[in-house]
Each structure stands twice: as structure tokens, then as C-alpha cells.
Amino acid sequence: IKRGSTENVDFVSPLPCPFNYGSVPAYVGLDGDLLDAV
């Protein structure tokens, strides 16, 4: 399950995520969402 920074489900992947995926709550990236981090 791919969730965004607002905790809404973005999509359900056919493959499991190979990393712990999240964001840096202190920064907003160039796309207007929280800065992503693995």
C-alpha cells in the first residue's frame, strides 16, 4: 500500500516496497509534497 504524506492511499502496488519509504516532515520538496526519504 502506497500512502502519501497526508496518509491517503495513493495506490496499491502489485509488488512489495523494497525499502522503508517515508518523508522528512521538516521539508517540502520541489513537487510541493514533503521531501521523500528511503
Full PDB file with SEQRES, HELIX, SHEET, SSBOND, CRYST1, ORIGX, SCALE, CONECT and MASTER records, all heavy atoms in Angstrom:
SEQRES   1 A   38  ILE LYS ARG GLY SER THR GLU ASN VAL ASP PHE VAL SER          
SEQRES   2 A   38  PRO LEU PRO CYS PRO PHE ASN TYR GLY SER VAL PRO ALA          
SEQRES   3 A   38  TYR VAL GLY LEU ASP GLY ASP LEU LEU ASP ALA VAL              
SHEET    1 AA1 2 LYS A   2  ARG A   3  0                                        
SHEET    2 AA1 2 VAL A   9  PHE A  11 -1                                        
SHEET    1 AA2 2 GLY A  22  VAL A  28  0                                        
SHEET    2 AA2 2 LEU A  34  ALA A  37 -1                                        
CRYST1    1.000    1.000    1.000  90.00  90.00  90.00 P 1           1          
ORIGX1      1.000000  0.000000  0.000000        0.00000                         
ORIGX2      0.000000  1.000000  0.000000        0.00000                         
ORIGX3      0.000000  0.000000  1.000000        0.00000                         
SCALE1      1.000000  0.000000  0.000000        0.00000                         
SCALE2      0.000000  1.000000  0.000000        0.00000                         
SCALE3      0.000000  0.000000  1.000000        0.00000                         
ATOM      1  N   ILE A   1       0.838  -1.197   0.000  1.00  0.00           N  
ATOM      2  CA  ILE A   1       0.000   0.000   0.000  1.00  0.00           C  
ATOM      3  C   ILE A   1       0.871   1.245   0.000  1.00  0.00           C  
ATOM      4  O   ILE A   1       1.681   1.442   0.898  1.00  0.00           O  
ATOM      5  CB  ILE A   1      -0.947   0.003   1.218  1.00  0.00           C  
ATOM      6  CG1 ILE A   1      -1.862  -1.224   1.149  1.00  0.00           C  
ATOM      7  CG2 ILE A   1      -1.753   1.294   1.268  1.00  0.00           C  
ATOM      8  CD1 ILE A   1      -2.705  -1.421   2.376  1.00  0.00           C  
ATOM      9  N   LYS A   2       0.717   2.091  -1.025  1.00  0.00           N  
ATOM     10  CA  LYS A   2       1.467   3.340  -1.162  1.00  0.00           C  
ATOM     11  C   LYS A   2       0.622   4.467  -0.602  1.00  0.00           C  
ATOM     12  O   LYS A   2      -0.416   4.796  -1.144  1.00  0.00           O  
ATOM     13  CB  LYS A   2       1.807   3.584  -2.632  1.00  0.00           C  
ATOM     14  CG  LYS A   2       2.251   4.995  -2.995  1.00  0.00           C  
ATOM     15  CD  LYS A   2       3.648   5.312  -2.550  1.00  0.00           C  
ATOM     16  CE  LYS A   2       4.189   6.591  -3.130  1.00  0.00           C  
ATOM     17  NZ  LYS A   2       3.743   7.820  -2.524  1.00  0.00           N  
ATOM     18  N   ARG A   3       1.055   4.996   0.527  1.00  0.00           N  
ATOM     19  CA  ARG A   3       0.378   6.143   1.146  1.00  0.00           C  
ATOM     20  C   ARG A   3       1.198   7.390   0.906  1.00  0.00           C  
ATOM     21  O   ARG A   3       2.415   7.344   0.877  1.00  0.00           O  
ATOM     22  CB  ARG A   3       0.225   5.943   2.645  1.00  0.00           C  
ATOM     23  CG  ARG A   3      -0.674   4.805   3.012  1.00  0.00           C  
ATOM     24  CD  ARG A   3      -0.820   4.683   4.519  1.00  0.00           C  
ATOM     25  NE  ARG A   3      -1.562   3.502   4.860  1.00  0.00           N  
ATOM     26  CZ  ARG A   3      -2.870   3.423   4.875  1.00  0.00           C  
ATOM     27  NH1 ARG A   3      -3.603   4.471   4.585  1.00  0.00           N  
ATOM     28  NH2 ARG A   3      -3.489   2.299   5.179  1.00  0.00           N  
ATOM     29  N   GLY A   4       0.521   8.507   0.808  1.00  0.00           N  
ATOM     30  CA  GLY A   4       1.189   9.791   0.679  1.00  0.00           C  
ATOM     31  C   GLY A   4       1.425  10.432   2.032  1.00  0.00           C  
ATOM     32  O   GLY A   4       1.060   9.879   3.079  1.00  0.00           O  
ATOM     33  N   SER A   5       1.984  11.619   2.030  1.00  0.00           N  
ATOM     34  CA  SER A   5       2.314  12.328   3.269  1.00  0.00           C  
ATOM     35  C   SER A   5       1.076  12.724   4.073  1.00  0.00           C  
ATOM     36  O   SER A   5       1.173  12.968   5.264  1.00  0.00           O  
ATOM     37  CB  SER A   5       3.145  13.566   2.953  1.00  0.00           C  
ATOM     38  OG  SER A   5       2.439  14.401   2.066  1.00  0.00           O  
ATOM     39  N   THR A   6      -0.085  12.778   3.415  1.00  0.00           N  
ATOM     40  CA  THR A   6      -1.318  13.104   4.127  1.00  0.00           C  
ATOM     41  C   THR A   6      -2.044  11.840   4.602  1.00  0.00           C  
ATOM     42  O   THR A   6      -3.174  11.908   5.049  1.00  0.00           O  
ATOM     43  CB  THR A   6      -2.262  13.943   3.241  1.00  0.00           C  
ATOM     44  OG1 THR A   6      -2.530  13.217   2.039  1.00  0.00           O  
ATOM     45  CG2 THR A   6      -1.644  15.297   2.908  1.00  0.00           C  
ATOM     46  N   GLU A   7      -1.370  10.686   4.463  1.00  0.00           N  
ATOM     47  CA  GLU A   7      -1.833   9.366   4.897  1.00  0.00           C  
ATOM     48  C   GLU A   7      -2.924   8.772   4.025  1.00  0.00           C  
ATOM     49  O   GLU A   7      -3.436   7.698   4.314  1.00  0.00           O  
ATOM     50  CB  GLU A   7      -2.234   9.371   6.376  1.00  0.00           C  
ATOM     51  CG  GLU A   7      -1.087   9.743   7.287  1.00  0.00           C  
ATOM     52  CD  GLU A   7      -1.454   9.731   8.754  1.00  0.00           C  
ATOM     53  OE1 GLU A   7      -2.551   9.245   9.116  1.00  0.00           O  
ATOM     54  OE2 GLU A   7      -0.632  10.217   9.538  1.00  0.00           O  
ATOM     55  N   ASN A   8      -3.296   9.437   2.931  1.00  0.00           N  
ATOM     56  CA  ASN A   8      -4.262   8.872   1.995  1.00  0.00           C  
ATOM     57  C   ASN A   8      -3.574   7.813   1.141  1.00  0.00           C  
ATOM     58  O   ASN A   8      -2.403   7.929   0.808  1.00  0.00           O  
ATOM     59  CB  ASN A   8      -4.830   9.958   1.075  1.00  0.00           C  
ATOM     60  CG  ASN A   8      -5.667  10.946   1.842  1.00  0.00           C  
ATOM     61  OD1 ASN A   8      -6.324  10.603   2.819  1.00  0.00           O  
ATOM     62  ND2 ASN A   8      -5.647  12.194   1.410  1.00  0.00           N  
ATOM     63  N   VAL A   9      -4.324   6.780   0.763  1.00  0.00           N  
ATOM     64  CA  VAL A   9      -3.783   5.741  -0.100  1.00  0.00           C  
ATOM     65  C   VAL A   9      -3.655   6.304  -1.510  1.00  0.00           C  
ATOM     66  O   VAL A   9      -4.628   6.801  -2.080  1.00  0.00           O  
ATOM     67  CB  VAL A   9      -4.682   4.482  -0.077  1.00  0.00           C  
ATOM     68  CG1 VAL A   9      -4.194   3.461  -1.088  1.00  0.00           C  
ATOM     69  CG2 VAL A   9      -4.720   3.878   1.317  1.00  0.00           C  
ATOM     70  N   ASP A  10      -2.432   6.231  -2.056  1.00  0.00           N  
ATOM     71  CA  ASP A  10      -2.180   6.699  -3.422  1.00  0.00           C  
ATOM     72  C   ASP A  10      -2.482   5.578  -4.411  1.00  0.00           C  
ATOM     73  O   ASP A  10      -3.159   5.770  -5.403  1.00  0.00           O  
ATOM     74  CB  ASP A  10      -0.726   7.171  -3.547  1.00  0.00           C  
ATOM     75  CG  ASP A  10      -0.404   7.806  -4.873  1.00  0.00           C  
ATOM     76  OD1 ASP A  10      -1.335   8.204  -5.599  1.00  0.00           O  
ATOM     77  OD2 ASP A  10       0.786   7.905  -5.212  1.00  0.00           O  
ATOM     78  N   PHE A  11      -1.959   4.384  -4.139  1.00  0.00           N  
ATOM     79  CA  PHE A  11      -2.264   3.214  -4.951  1.00  0.00           C  
ATOM     80  C   PHE A  11      -1.833   1.954  -4.215  1.00  0.00           C  
ATOM     81  O   PHE A  11      -1.100   2.008  -3.236  1.00  0.00           O  
ATOM     82  CB  PHE A  11      -1.630   3.288  -6.349  1.00  0.00           C  
ATOM     83  CG  PHE A  11      -0.119   3.357  -6.370  1.00  0.00           C  
ATOM     84  CD1 PHE A  11       0.662   2.212  -6.355  1.00  0.00           C  
ATOM     85  CD2 PHE A  11       0.531   4.582  -6.444  1.00  0.00           C  
ATOM     86  CE1 PHE A  11       2.039   2.275  -6.390  1.00  0.00           C  
ATOM     87  CE2 PHE A  11       1.906   4.663  -6.488  1.00  0.00           C  
ATOM     88  CZ  PHE A  11       2.665   3.495  -6.464  1.00  0.00           C  
ATOM     89  N   VAL A  12      -2.327   0.812  -4.708  1.00  0.00           N  
ATOM     90  CA  VAL A  12      -1.912  -0.485  -4.197  1.00  0.00           C  
ATOM     91  C   VAL A  12      -0.998  -1.084  -5.260  1.00  0.00           C  
ATOM     92  O   VAL A  12      -1.391  -1.236  -6.413  1.00  0.00           O  
ATOM     93  CB  VAL A  12      -3.116  -1.397  -3.915  1.00  0.00           C  
ATOM     94  CG1 VAL A  12      -2.649  -2.772  -3.455  1.00  0.00           C  
ATOM     95  CG2 VAL A  12      -4.030  -0.754  -2.881  1.00  0.00           C  
ATOM     96  N   SER A  13       0.212  -1.387  -4.872  1.00  0.00           N  
ATOM     97  CA  SER A  13       1.227  -1.872  -5.797  1.00  0.00           C  
ATOM     98  C   SER A  13       1.111  -3.386  -5.995  1.00  0.00           C  
ATOM     99  O   SER A  13       0.789  -4.108  -5.045  1.00  0.00           O  
ATOM    100  CB  SER A  13       2.613  -1.534  -5.237  1.00  0.00           C  
ATOM    101  OG  SER A  13       3.623  -2.130  -6.026  1.00  0.00           O  
ATOM    102  N   PRO A  14       1.412  -3.858  -7.189  1.00  0.00           N  
ATOM    103  CA  PRO A  14       1.455  -5.314  -7.383  1.00  0.00           C  
ATOM    104  C   PRO A  14       2.731  -5.928  -6.795  1.00  0.00           C  
ATOM    105  O   PRO A  14       2.815  -7.139  -6.635  1.00  0.00           O  
ATOM    106  CB  PRO A  14       1.419  -5.468  -8.902  1.00  0.00           C  
ATOM    107  CG  PRO A  14       1.995  -4.192  -9.413  1.00  0.00           C  
ATOM    108  CD  PRO A  14       1.604  -3.134  -8.427  1.00  0.00           C  
ATOM    109  N   LEU A  15       3.704  -5.075  -6.466  1.00  0.00           N  
ATOM    110  CA  LEU A  15       4.974  -5.521  -5.894  1.00  0.00           C  
ATOM    111  C   LEU A  15       5.192  -4.875  -4.529  1.00  0.00           C  
ATOM    112  O   LEU A  15       4.847  -3.709  -4.334  1.00  0.00           O  
ATOM    113  CB  LEU A  15       6.135  -5.132  -6.823  1.00  0.00           C  
ATOM    114  CG  LEU A  15       6.075  -5.679  -8.249  1.00  0.00           C  
ATOM    115  CD1 LEU A  15       7.162  -5.041  -9.099  1.00  0.00           C  
ATOM    116  CD2 LEU A  15       6.203  -7.183  -8.251  1.00  0.00           C  
ATOM    117  N   PRO A  16       5.811  -5.603  -3.603  1.00  0.00           N  
ATOM    118  CA  PRO A  16       6.068  -5.003  -2.284  1.00  0.00           C  
ATOM    119  C   PRO A  16       7.179  -3.961  -2.358  1.00  0.00           C  
ATOM    120  O   PRO A  16       8.101  -4.071  -3.176  1.00  0.00           O  
ATOM    121  CB  PRO A  16       6.489  -6.198  -1.434  1.00  0.00           C  
ATOM    122  CG  PRO A  16       7.054  -7.174  -2.412  1.00  0.00           C  
ATOM    123  CD  PRO A  16       6.276  -6.984  -3.690  1.00  0.00           C  
ATOM    124  N   CYS A  17       7.095  -2.958  -1.522  1.00  0.00           N  
ATOM    125  CA  CYS A  17       8.127  -1.916  -1.470  1.00  0.00           C  
ATOM    126  C   CYS A  17       9.398  -2.518  -0.863  1.00  0.00           C  
ATOM    127  O   CYS A  17       9.345  -3.101   0.226  1.00  0.00           O  
ATOM    128  CB  CYS A  17       7.631  -0.740  -0.626  1.00  0.00           C  
ATOM    129  SG  CYS A  17       8.746   0.675  -0.666  1.00  0.00           S  
ATOM    130  N   PRO A  18      10.545  -2.385  -1.539  1.00  0.00           N  
ATOM    131  CA  PRO A  18      11.777  -2.995  -1.027  1.00  0.00           C  
ATOM    132  C   PRO A  18      12.459  -2.192   0.080  1.00  0.00           C  
ATOM    133  O   PRO A  18      13.462  -2.634   0.633  1.00  0.00           O  
ATOM    134  CB  PRO A  18      12.666  -3.076  -2.267  1.00  0.00           C  
ATOM    135  CG  PRO A  18      12.217  -1.926  -3.107  1.00  0.00           C  
ATOM    136  CD  PRO A  18      10.743  -1.790  -2.856  1.00  0.00           C  
ATOM    137  N   PHE A  19      11.949  -1.011   0.382  1.00  0.00           N  
ATOM    138  CA  PHE A  19      12.558  -0.132   1.389  1.00  0.00           C  
ATOM    139  C   PHE A  19      11.478   0.364   2.348  1.00  0.00           C  
ATOM    140  O   PHE A  19      10.302   0.323   2.044  1.00  0.00           O  
ATOM    141  CB  PHE A  19      13.164   1.118   0.731  1.00  0.00           C  
ATOM    142  CG  PHE A  19      14.015   0.868  -0.470  1.00  0.00           C  
ATOM    143  CD1 PHE A  19      13.594   1.244  -1.733  1.00  0.00           C  
ATOM    144  CD2 PHE A  19      15.257   0.280  -0.342  1.00  0.00           C  
ATOM    145  CE1 PHE A  19      14.388   1.044  -2.851  1.00  0.00           C  
ATOM    146  CE2 PHE A  19      16.062   0.064  -1.447  1.00  0.00           C  
ATOM    147  CZ  PHE A  19      15.632   0.448  -2.712  1.00  0.00           C  
ATOM    148  N   ASN A  20      11.915   0.912   3.458  1.00  0.00           N  
ATOM    149  CA  ASN A  20      11.031   1.729   4.296  1.00  0.00           C  
ATOM    150  C   ASN A  20      10.987   3.090   3.605  1.00  0.00           C  
ATOM    151  O   ASN A  20      12.031   3.696   3.359  1.00  0.00           O  
ATOM    152  CB  ASN A  20      11.614   1.869   5.701  1.00  0.00           C  
ATOM    153  CG  ASN A  20      11.667   0.560   6.432  1.00  0.00           C  
ATOM    154  OD1 ASN A  20      10.642  -0.006   6.754  1.00  0.00           O  
ATOM    155  ND2 ASN A  20      12.869   0.061   6.675  1.00  0.00           N  
ATOM    156  N   TYR A  21       9.814   3.529   3.251  1.00  0.00           N  
ATOM    157  CA  TYR A  21       9.659   4.747   2.452  1.00  0.00           C  
ATOM    158  C   TYR A  21       8.872   5.759   3.265  1.00  0.00           C  
ATOM    159  O   TYR A  21       7.854   5.423   3.866  1.00  0.00           O  
ATOM    160  CB  TYR A  21       8.905   4.372   1.174  1.00  0.00           C  
ATOM    161  CG  TYR A  21       8.917   5.394   0.080  1.00  0.00           C  
ATOM    162  CD1 TYR A  21       9.870   5.350  -0.930  1.00  0.00           C  
ATOM    163  CD2 TYR A  21       7.959   6.388   0.030  1.00  0.00           C  
ATOM    164  CE1 TYR A  21       9.869   6.272  -1.970  1.00  0.00           C  
ATOM    165  CE2 TYR A  21       7.944   7.322  -1.001  1.00  0.00           C  
ATOM    166  CZ  TYR A  21       8.896   7.251  -1.997  1.00  0.00           C  
ATOM    167  OH  TYR A  21       8.887   8.161  -3.013  1.00  0.00           O  
ATOM    168  N   GLY A  22       9.348   6.971   3.303  1.00  0.00           N  
ATOM    169  CA  GLY A  22       8.649   7.988   4.070  1.00  0.00           C  
ATOM    170  C   GLY A  22       9.020   9.382   3.630  1.00  0.00           C  
ATOM    171  O   GLY A  22       9.358   9.610   2.466  1.00  0.00           O  
ATOM    172  N   SER A  23       8.968  10.301   4.569  1.00  0.00           N  
ATOM    173  CA  SER A  23       9.250  11.696   4.245  1.00  0.00           C  
ATOM    174  C   SER A  23       9.890  12.395   5.425  1.00  0.00           C  
ATOM    175  O   SER A  23       9.862  11.912   6.556  1.00  0.00           O  
ATOM    176  CB  SER A  23       7.965  12.415   3.830  1.00  0.00           C  
ATOM    177  OG  SER A  23       7.033  12.387   4.893  1.00  0.00           O  
ATOM    178  N   VAL A  24      10.446  13.557   5.118  1.00  0.00           N  
ATOM    179  CA  VAL A  24      11.060  14.420   6.122  1.00  0.00           C  
ATOM    180  C   VAL A  24      10.016  15.479   6.477  1.00  0.00           C  
ATOM    181  O   VAL A  24       9.755  16.368   5.662  1.00  0.00           O  
ATOM    182  CB  VAL A  24      12.343  15.092   5.575  1.00  0.00           C  
ATOM    183  CG1 VAL A  24      13.008  15.936   6.643  1.00  0.00           C  
ATOM    184  CG2 VAL A  24      13.305  14.057   5.010  1.00  0.00           C  
ATOM    185  N   PRO A  25       9.392  15.376   7.644  1.00  0.00           N  
ATOM    186  CA  PRO A  25       8.315  16.319   7.986  1.00  0.00           C  
ATOM    187  C   PRO A  25       8.749  17.783   8.026  1.00  0.00           C  
ATOM    188  O   PRO A  25       7.904  18.666   7.924  1.00  0.00           O  
ATOM    189  CB  PRO A  25       7.869  15.856   9.380  1.00  0.00           C  
ATOM    190  CG  PRO A  25       8.312  14.444   9.479  1.00  0.00           C  
ATOM    191  CD  PRO A  25       9.560  14.344   8.659  1.00  0.00           C  
ATOM    192  N   ALA A  26      10.032  18.044   8.104  1.00  0.00           N  
ATOM    193  CA  ALA A  26      10.526  19.420   8.214  1.00  0.00           C  
ATOM    194  C   ALA A  26      10.675  20.131   6.869  1.00  0.00           C  
ATOM    195  O   ALA A  26      10.850  21.348   6.840  1.00  0.00           O  
ATOM    196  CB  ALA A  26      11.874  19.434   8.946  1.00  0.00           C  
ATOM    197  N   TYR A  27      10.605  19.390   5.744  1.00  0.00           N  
ATOM    198  CA  TYR A  27      10.873  19.993   4.433  1.00  0.00           C  
ATOM    199  C   TYR A  27       9.809  19.647   3.395  1.00  0.00           C  
ATOM    200  O   TYR A  27       9.305  18.526   3.359  1.00  0.00           O  
ATOM    201  CB  TYR A  27      12.223  19.518   3.879  1.00  0.00           C  
ATOM    202  CG  TYR A  27      13.402  20.059   4.635  1.00  0.00           C  
ATOM    203  CD1 TYR A  27      14.060  19.279   5.573  1.00  0.00           C  
ATOM    204  CD2 TYR A  27      13.864  21.346   4.399  1.00  0.00           C  
ATOM    205  CE1 TYR A  27      15.153  19.773   6.270  1.00  0.00           C  
ATOM    206  CE2 TYR A  27      14.956  21.847   5.090  1.00  0.00           C  
ATOM    207  CZ  TYR A  27      15.593  21.057   6.022  1.00  0.00           C  
ATOM    208  OH  TYR A  27      16.672  21.544   6.710  1.00  0.00           O  
ATOM    209  N   VAL A  28       9.541  20.606   2.503  1.00  0.00           N  
ATOM    210  CA  VAL A  28       8.668  20.408   1.355  1.00  0.00           C  
ATOM    211  C   VAL A  28       9.553  20.411   0.114  1.00  0.00           C  
ATOM    212  O   VAL A  28      10.350  21.335  -0.096  1.00  0.00           O  
ATOM    213  CB  VAL A  28       7.596  21.522   1.261  1.00  0.00           C  
ATOM    214  CG1 VAL A  28       6.762  21.365   0.008  1.00  0.00           C  
ATOM    215  CG2 VAL A  28       6.715  21.508   2.506  1.00  0.00           C  
ATOM    216  N   GLY A  29       9.426  19.352  -0.701  1.00  0.00           N  
ATOM    217  CA  GLY A  29      10.227  19.208  -1.907  1.00  0.00           C  
ATOM    218  C   GLY A  29       9.717  20.066  -3.055  1.00  0.00           C  
ATOM    219  O   GLY A  29       8.696  20.756  -2.950  1.00  0.00           O  
ATOM    220  N   LEU A  30      10.427  19.966  -4.169  1.00  0.00           N  
ATOM    221  CA  LEU A  30      10.089  20.773  -5.352  1.00  0.00           C  
ATOM    222  C   LEU A  30       8.724  20.437  -5.950  1.00  0.00           C  
ATOM    223  O   LEU A  30       8.150  21.246  -6.664  1.00  0.00           O  
ATOM    224  CB  LEU A  30      11.171  20.593  -6.427  1.00  0.00           C  
ATOM    225  CG  LEU A  30      12.538  21.189  -6.091  1.00  0.00           C  
ATOM    226  CD1 LEU A  30      13.568  20.782  -7.130  1.00  0.00           C  
ATOM    227  CD2 LEU A  30      12.440  22.711  -5.993  1.00  0.00           C  
ATOM    228  N   ASP A  31       8.195  19.251  -5.645  1.00  0.00           N  
ATOM    229  CA  ASP A  31       6.882  18.862  -6.166  1.00  0.00           C  
ATOM    230  C   ASP A  31       5.733  19.347  -5.286  1.00  0.00           C  
ATOM    231  O   ASP A  31       4.573  19.077  -5.569  1.00  0.00           O  
ATOM    232  CB  ASP A  31       6.807  17.346  -6.352  1.00  0.00           C  
ATOM    233  CG  ASP A  31       6.935  16.573  -5.047  1.00  0.00           C  
ATOM    234  OD1 ASP A  31       7.291  17.182  -4.009  1.00  0.00           O  
ATOM    235  OD2 ASP A  31       6.687  15.356  -5.060  1.00  0.00           O  
ATOM    236  N   GLY A  32       6.044  20.064  -4.196  1.00  0.00           N  
ATOM    237  CA  GLY A  32       5.012  20.591  -3.314  1.00  0.00           C  
ATOM    238  C   GLY A  32       4.590  19.637  -2.210  1.00  0.00           C  
ATOM    239  O   GLY A  32       3.741  19.969  -1.386  1.00  0.00           O  
ATOM    240  N   ASP A  33       5.165  18.436  -2.183  1.00  0.00           N  
ATOM    241  CA  ASP A  33       4.877  17.453  -1.143  1.00  0.00           C  
ATOM    242  C   ASP A  33       6.086  17.383  -0.212  1.00  0.00           C  
ATOM    243  O   ASP A  33       7.157  17.912  -0.530  1.00  0.00           O  
ATOM    244  CB  ASP A  33       4.609  16.091  -1.785  1.00  0.00           C  
ATOM    245  CG  ASP A  33       3.852  15.134  -0.883  1.00  0.00           C  
ATOM    246  OD1 ASP A  33       3.498  15.528   0.251  1.00  0.00           O  
ATOM    247  OD2 ASP A  33       3.615  13.992  -1.309  1.00  0.00           O  
ATOM    248  N   LEU A  34       5.921  16.707   0.922  1.00  0.00           N  
ATOM    249  CA  LEU A  34       7.052  16.563   1.832  1.00  0.00           C  
ATOM    250  C   LEU A  34       8.211  15.876   1.116  1.00  0.00           C  
ATOM    251  O   LEU A  34       7.999  15.043   0.224  1.00  0.00           O  
ATOM    252  CB  LEU A  34       6.645  15.767   3.068  1.00  0.00           C  
ATOM    253  CG  LEU A  34       5.587  16.418   3.953  1.00  0.00           C  
ATOM    254  CD1 LEU A  34       5.256  15.504   5.132  1.00  0.00           C  
ATOM    255  CD2 LEU A  34       6.047  17.778   4.455  1.00  0.00           C  
ATOM    256  N   LEU A  35       9.431  16.231   1.492  1.00  0.00           N  
ATOM    257  CA  LEU A  35      10.633  15.665   0.892  1.00  0.00           C  
ATOM    258  C   LEU A  35      10.673  14.169   1.181  1.00  0.00           C  
ATOM    259  O   LEU A  35      10.602  13.747   2.336  1.00  0.00           O  
ATOM    260  CB  LEU A  35      11.870  16.370   1.464  1.00  0.00           C  
ATOM    261  CG  LEU A  35      13.224  15.946   0.930  1.00  0.00           C  
ATOM    262  CD1 LEU A  35      13.317  16.135  -0.584  1.00  0.00           C  
ATOM    263  CD2 LEU A  35      14.327  16.743   1.638  1.00  0.00           C  
ATOM    264  N   ASP A  36      10.778  13.365   0.132  1.00  0.00           N  
ATOM    265  CA  ASP A  36      10.745  11.912   0.264  1.00  0.00           C  
ATOM    266  C   ASP A  36      12.066  11.372   0.790  1.00  0.00           C  
ATOM    267  O   ASP A  36      13.138  11.928   0.519  1.00  0.00           O  
ATOM    268  CB  ASP A  36      10.460  11.263  -1.097  1.00  0.00           C  
ATOM    269  CG  ASP A  36       9.056  11.525  -1.585  1.00  0.00           C  
ATOM    270  OD1 ASP A  36       8.142  11.589  -0.740  1.00  0.00           O  
ATOM    271  OD2 ASP A  36       8.868  11.669  -2.803  1.00  0.00           O  
ATOM    272  N   ALA A  37      11.972  10.251   1.493  1.00  0.00           N  
ATOM    273  CA  ALA A  37      13.165   9.595   2.027  1.00  0.00           C  
ATOM    274  C   ALA A  37      12.953   8.093   2.089  1.00  0.00           C  
ATOM    275  O   ALA A  37      11.859   7.616   2.413  1.00  0.00           O  
ATOM    276  CB  ALA A  37      13.484  10.131   3.418  1.00  0.00           C  
ATOM    277  N   VAL A  38      13.991   7.364   1.764  1.00  0.00           N  
ATOM    278  CA  VAL A  38      14.049   5.916   1.877  1.00  0.00           C  
ATOM    279  C   VAL A  38      14.958   5.619   3.051  1.00  0.00           C  
ATOM    280  O   VAL A  38      16.015   6.228   3.190  1.00  0.00           O  
ATOM    281  CB  VAL A  38      14.634   5.314   0.576  1.00  0.00           C  
ATOM    282  CG1 VAL A  38      15.063   3.884   0.771  1.00  0.00           C  
ATOM    283  CG2 VAL A  38      13.650   5.454  -0.566  1.00  0.00           C  
TER     284      VAL A  38                                                      
MASTER        0    0    0    0    4    0    0    6  283    1    0    3          
END                                                                             
